Amino acid sequence: MIQCQISAYPLGTEKYKDIINESIEVLNQIPISYTVSTMSTLIKGDKDTVFSAVRTLFDKALTLHPELILIATYTSVCSK
């Protein structure tokens, strides 16, 4: 299992909250656990699904606004 903390920053737009929120909505279509906070979203699951979810979210954000910074920090999670 891994987790990824992501933060998206649409550049040059006042509609950044709408872009971020609509991008996060795509995670509802993926069998993944995620938690949204004020500055980031934490996604947890198996490696392939987490990487795919981040890619899907990033692709969705780019369709909404072409100038975007996405910061992703991946961490392996030991189950002990």
N, C-alpha and C. Protein backbone atom coordinates (compact mmCIF):
# COMPACT_ATOMS: atom_id res chain seq x y z
N MET A 1 0.84 -1.17 0.00
CA MET A 1 0.00 0.00 0.00
C MET A 1 0.89 1.23 0.00
N ILE A 2 0.43 2.25 -0.71
CA ILE A 2 1.12 3.54 -0.69
C ILE A 2 0.09 4.64 -0.46
N GLN A 3 0.62 5.82 -0.19
CA GLN A 3 -0.23 6.99 -0.12
C GLN A 3 0.46 8.13 -0.86
N CYS A 4 -0.34 9.07 -1.32
CA CYS A 4 0.19 10.22 -2.04
C CYS A 4 -0.54 11.46 -1.58
N GLN A 5 0.23 12.44 -1.14
CA GLN A 5 -0.34 13.74 -0.77
C GLN A 5 -0.15 14.65 -1.97
N ILE A 6 -1.26 15.19 -2.50
CA ILE A 6 -1.17 16.05 -3.68
C ILE A 6 -1.74 17.43 -3.38
N SER A 7 -1.13 18.41 -4.00
CA SER A 7 -1.62 19.79 -3.97
C SER A 7 -1.59 20.31 -5.39
N ALA A 8 -2.71 20.89 -5.82
CA ALA A 8 -2.80 21.44 -7.18
C ALA A 8 -2.92 22.95 -7.10
N TYR A 9 -2.22 23.62 -8.02
CA TYR A 9 -2.21 25.07 -8.07
C TYR A 9 -2.46 25.54 -9.50
N PRO A 10 -3.72 25.80 -9.87
CA PRO A 10 -4.00 26.37 -11.18
C PRO A 10 -3.46 27.81 -11.21
N LEU A 11 -2.72 28.13 -12.24
CA LEU A 11 -2.06 29.44 -12.31
C LEU A 11 -2.88 30.45 -13.10
N GLY A 12 -2.84 31.70 -12.66
CA GLY A 12 -3.41 32.80 -13.43
C GLY A 12 -4.92 32.79 -13.56
N THR A 13 -5.62 32.26 -12.57
CA THR A 13 -7.08 32.24 -12.64
C THR A 13 -7.67 32.45 -11.25
N GLU A 14 -8.79 33.15 -11.23
CA GLU A 14 -9.50 33.33 -9.97
C GLU A 14 -10.42 32.15 -9.66
N LYS A 15 -10.60 31.25 -10.63
CA LYS A 15 -11.49 30.10 -10.47
C LYS A 15 -10.74 28.86 -9.96
N TYR A 16 -9.64 29.07 -9.30
CA TYR A 16 -8.80 27.95 -8.88
C TYR A 16 -9.54 26.96 -7.99
N LYS A 17 -10.42 27.44 -7.10
CA LYS A 17 -11.15 26.53 -6.21
C LYS A 17 -12.07 25.61 -7.01
N ASP A 18 -12.75 26.16 -8.00
CA ASP A 18 -13.64 25.34 -8.84
C ASP A 18 -12.85 24.28 -9.60
N ILE A 19 -11.70 24.66 -10.12
CA ILE A 19 -10.86 23.72 -10.87
C ILE A 19 -10.38 22.60 -9.97
N ILE A 20 -9.93 22.94 -8.79
CA ILE A 20 -9.44 21.93 -7.84
C ILE A 20 -10.58 21.01 -7.42
N ASN A 21 -11.71 21.58 -7.04
CA ASN A 21 -12.84 20.75 -6.58
C ASN A 21 -13.36 19.83 -7.68
N GLU A 22 -13.47 20.32 -8.89
CA GLU A 22 -13.94 19.48 -9.99
C GLU A 22 -12.94 18.39 -10.31
N SER A 23 -11.66 18.69 -10.19
CA SER A 23 -10.63 17.69 -10.43
C SER A 23 -10.69 16.57 -9.38
N ILE A 24 -10.90 16.93 -8.14
CA ILE A 24 -10.98 15.94 -7.07
C ILE A 24 -12.18 15.02 -7.26
N GLU A 25 -13.23 15.52 -7.87
CA GLU A 25 -14.44 14.71 -8.08
C GLU A 25 -14.16 13.43 -8.87
N VAL A 26 -13.14 13.43 -9.74
CA VAL A 26 -12.85 12.22 -10.53
C VAL A 26 -12.43 11.05 -9.63
N LEU A 27 -11.96 11.36 -8.43
CA LEU A 27 -11.54 10.29 -7.52
C LEU A 27 -12.73 9.44 -7.07
N ASN A 28 -13.95 9.99 -7.16
CA ASN A 28 -15.14 9.23 -6.79
C ASN A 28 -15.39 8.06 -7.74
N GLN A 29 -14.80 8.12 -8.92
CA GLN A 29 -14.99 7.07 -9.93
C GLN A 29 -13.93 5.97 -9.83
N ILE A 30 -13.02 6.12 -8.89
CA ILE A 30 -11.90 5.18 -8.75
C ILE A 30 -12.02 4.51 -7.38
N PRO A 31 -11.83 3.19 -7.31
CA PRO A 31 -11.93 2.51 -6.01
C PRO A 31 -10.69 2.81 -5.14
N ILE A 32 -10.72 3.97 -4.52
CA ILE A 32 -9.56 4.47 -3.78
C ILE A 32 -10.04 5.21 -2.54
N SER A 33 -9.23 5.23 -1.52
CA SER A 33 -9.52 6.00 -0.31
C SER A 33 -8.83 7.35 -0.41
N TYR A 34 -9.56 8.42 -0.16
CA TYR A 34 -8.92 9.73 -0.17
C TYR A 34 -9.57 10.66 0.85
N THR A 35 -8.77 11.62 1.32
CA THR A 35 -9.21 12.61 2.28
C THR A 35 -8.80 13.99 1.77
N VAL A 36 -9.76 14.89 1.72
CA VAL A 36 -9.50 16.25 1.25
C VAL A 36 -9.32 17.15 2.46
N SER A 37 -8.26 17.94 2.46
CA SER A 37 -8.08 18.96 3.49
C SER A 37 -7.92 20.31 2.80
N THR A 38 -7.63 21.33 3.56
CA THR A 38 -7.57 22.67 2.97
C THR A 38 -6.48 22.88 1.94
N MET A 39 -5.34 22.27 2.14
CA MET A 39 -4.21 22.53 1.26
C MET A 39 -3.78 21.33 0.42
N SER A 40 -4.36 20.16 0.68
CA SER A 40 -3.94 18.98 -0.07
C SER A 40 -5.00 17.89 0.02
N THR A 41 -4.78 16.86 -0.77
CA THR A 41 -5.62 15.67 -0.76
C THR A 41 -4.70 14.47 -0.55
N LEU A 42 -5.09 13.57 0.33
CA LEU A 42 -4.31 12.37 0.62
C LEU A 42 -5.04 11.18 0.01
N ILE A 43 -4.35 10.47 -0.87
CA ILE A 43 -4.90 9.31 -1.56
C ILE A 43 -4.17 8.07 -1.06
N LYS A 44 -4.93 7.02 -0.70
CA LYS A 44 -4.33 5.78 -0.18
C LYS A 44 -4.85 4.59 -0.97
N GLY A 45 -3.98 3.62 -1.20
CA GLY A 45 -4.39 2.40 -1.86
C GLY A 45 -3.21 1.64 -2.40
N ASP A 46 -3.50 0.66 -3.27
CA ASP A 46 -2.38 -0.08 -3.87
C ASP A 46 -1.66 0.82 -4.88
N LYS A 47 -0.42 0.49 -5.12
CA LYS A 47 0.47 1.36 -5.90
C LYS A 47 -0.10 1.73 -7.26
N ASP A 48 -0.53 0.75 -8.02
CA ASP A 48 -1.02 1.03 -9.37
C ASP A 48 -2.26 1.93 -9.36
N THR A 49 -3.16 1.70 -8.41
CA THR A 49 -4.38 2.50 -8.34
C THR A 49 -4.08 3.94 -7.92
N VAL A 50 -3.17 4.12 -6.98
CA VAL A 50 -2.81 5.47 -6.53
C VAL A 50 -2.15 6.25 -7.67
N PHE A 51 -1.20 5.64 -8.35
CA PHE A 51 -0.55 6.32 -9.47
C PHE A 51 -1.56 6.66 -10.56
N SER A 52 -2.47 5.74 -10.84
CA SER A 52 -3.50 5.98 -11.84
C SER A 52 -4.45 7.10 -11.41
N ALA A 53 -4.80 7.14 -10.14
CA ALA A 53 -5.69 8.17 -9.62
C ALA A 53 -5.06 9.56 -9.74
N VAL A 54 -3.79 9.66 -9.40
CA VAL A 54 -3.09 10.95 -9.51
C VAL A 54 -3.04 11.39 -10.97
N ARG A 55 -2.75 10.46 -11.85
CA ARG A 55 -2.72 10.78 -13.29
C ARG A 55 -4.09 11.24 -13.78
N THR A 56 -5.14 10.56 -13.36
CA THR A 56 -6.49 10.91 -13.76
C THR A 56 -6.87 12.30 -13.26
N LEU A 57 -6.54 12.58 -12.00
CA LEU A 57 -6.82 13.90 -11.44
C LEU A 57 -6.05 14.98 -12.19
N PHE A 58 -4.78 14.74 -12.46
CA PHE A 58 -3.96 15.71 -13.18
C PHE A 58 -4.51 15.96 -14.59
N ASP A 59 -4.87 14.89 -15.29
CA ASP A 59 -5.44 15.04 -16.63
C ASP A 59 -6.74 15.85 -16.60
N LYS A 60 -7.59 15.59 -15.61
CA LYS A 60 -8.84 16.34 -15.49
C LYS A 60 -8.56 17.81 -15.24
N ALA A 61 -7.62 18.11 -14.34
CA ALA A 61 -7.28 19.51 -14.05
C ALA A 61 -6.76 20.21 -15.29
N LEU A 62 -5.97 19.53 -16.09
CA LEU A 62 -5.44 20.14 -17.32
C LEU A 62 -6.53 20.41 -18.35
N THR A 63 -7.58 19.61 -18.37
CA THR A 63 -8.68 19.90 -19.29
C THR A 63 -9.45 21.14 -18.85
N LEU A 64 -9.42 21.43 -17.55
CA LEU A 64 -10.13 22.59 -17.02
C LEU A 64 -9.32 23.88 -17.10
N HIS A 65 -7.98 23.73 -17.02
CA HIS A 65 -7.09 24.90 -17.04
C HIS A 65 -5.69 24.42 -17.44
N PRO A 66 -5.13 24.97 -18.51
CA PRO A 66 -3.88 24.43 -19.05
C PRO A 66 -2.60 24.79 -18.28
N GLU A 67 -2.70 25.73 -17.35
CA GLU A 67 -1.51 26.10 -16.58
C GLU A 67 -1.71 25.64 -15.14
N LEU A 68 -0.90 24.66 -14.75
CA LEU A 68 -1.14 24.01 -13.47
C LEU A 68 0.16 23.48 -12.89
N ILE A 69 0.28 23.63 -11.59
CA ILE A 69 1.35 22.97 -10.84
C ILE A 69 0.69 21.90 -9.99
N LEU A 70 1.21 20.68 -10.04
CA LEU A 70 0.72 19.61 -9.18
C LEU A 70 1.92 19.06 -8.41
N ILE A 71 1.85 19.15 -7.10
CA ILE A 71 2.91 18.62 -6.25
C ILE A 71 2.42 17.32 -5.65
N ALA A 72 3.18 16.26 -5.82
CA ALA A 72 2.80 14.94 -5.31
C ALA A 72 3.93 14.35 -4.49
N THR A 73 3.61 13.90 -3.29
CA THR A 73 4.57 13.24 -2.43
C THR A 73 4.07 11.82 -2.15
N TYR A 74 4.80 10.84 -2.62
CA TYR A 74 4.42 9.44 -2.46
C TYR A 74 5.16 8.84 -1.27
N THR A 75 4.44 8.01 -0.51
CA THR A 75 5.01 7.35 0.65
C THR A 75 4.55 5.90 0.68
N SER A 76 5.48 4.97 0.92
CA SER A 76 5.06 3.58 1.11
C SER A 76 4.56 3.44 2.53
N VAL A 77 3.53 2.62 2.72
CA VAL A 77 2.91 2.45 4.02
C VAL A 77 3.09 1.01 4.44
N CYS A 78 3.75 0.81 5.55
CA CYS A 78 3.94 -0.54 6.07
C CYS A 78 2.74 -0.92 6.92
N SER A 79 2.23 -2.10 6.72
CA SER A 79 1.09 -2.56 7.53
C SER A 79 1.61 -3.51 8.60
N LYS A 80 1.82 -3.00 9.78
CA LYS A 80 2.32 -3.79 10.92
C LYS A 80 1.33 -3.75 12.03
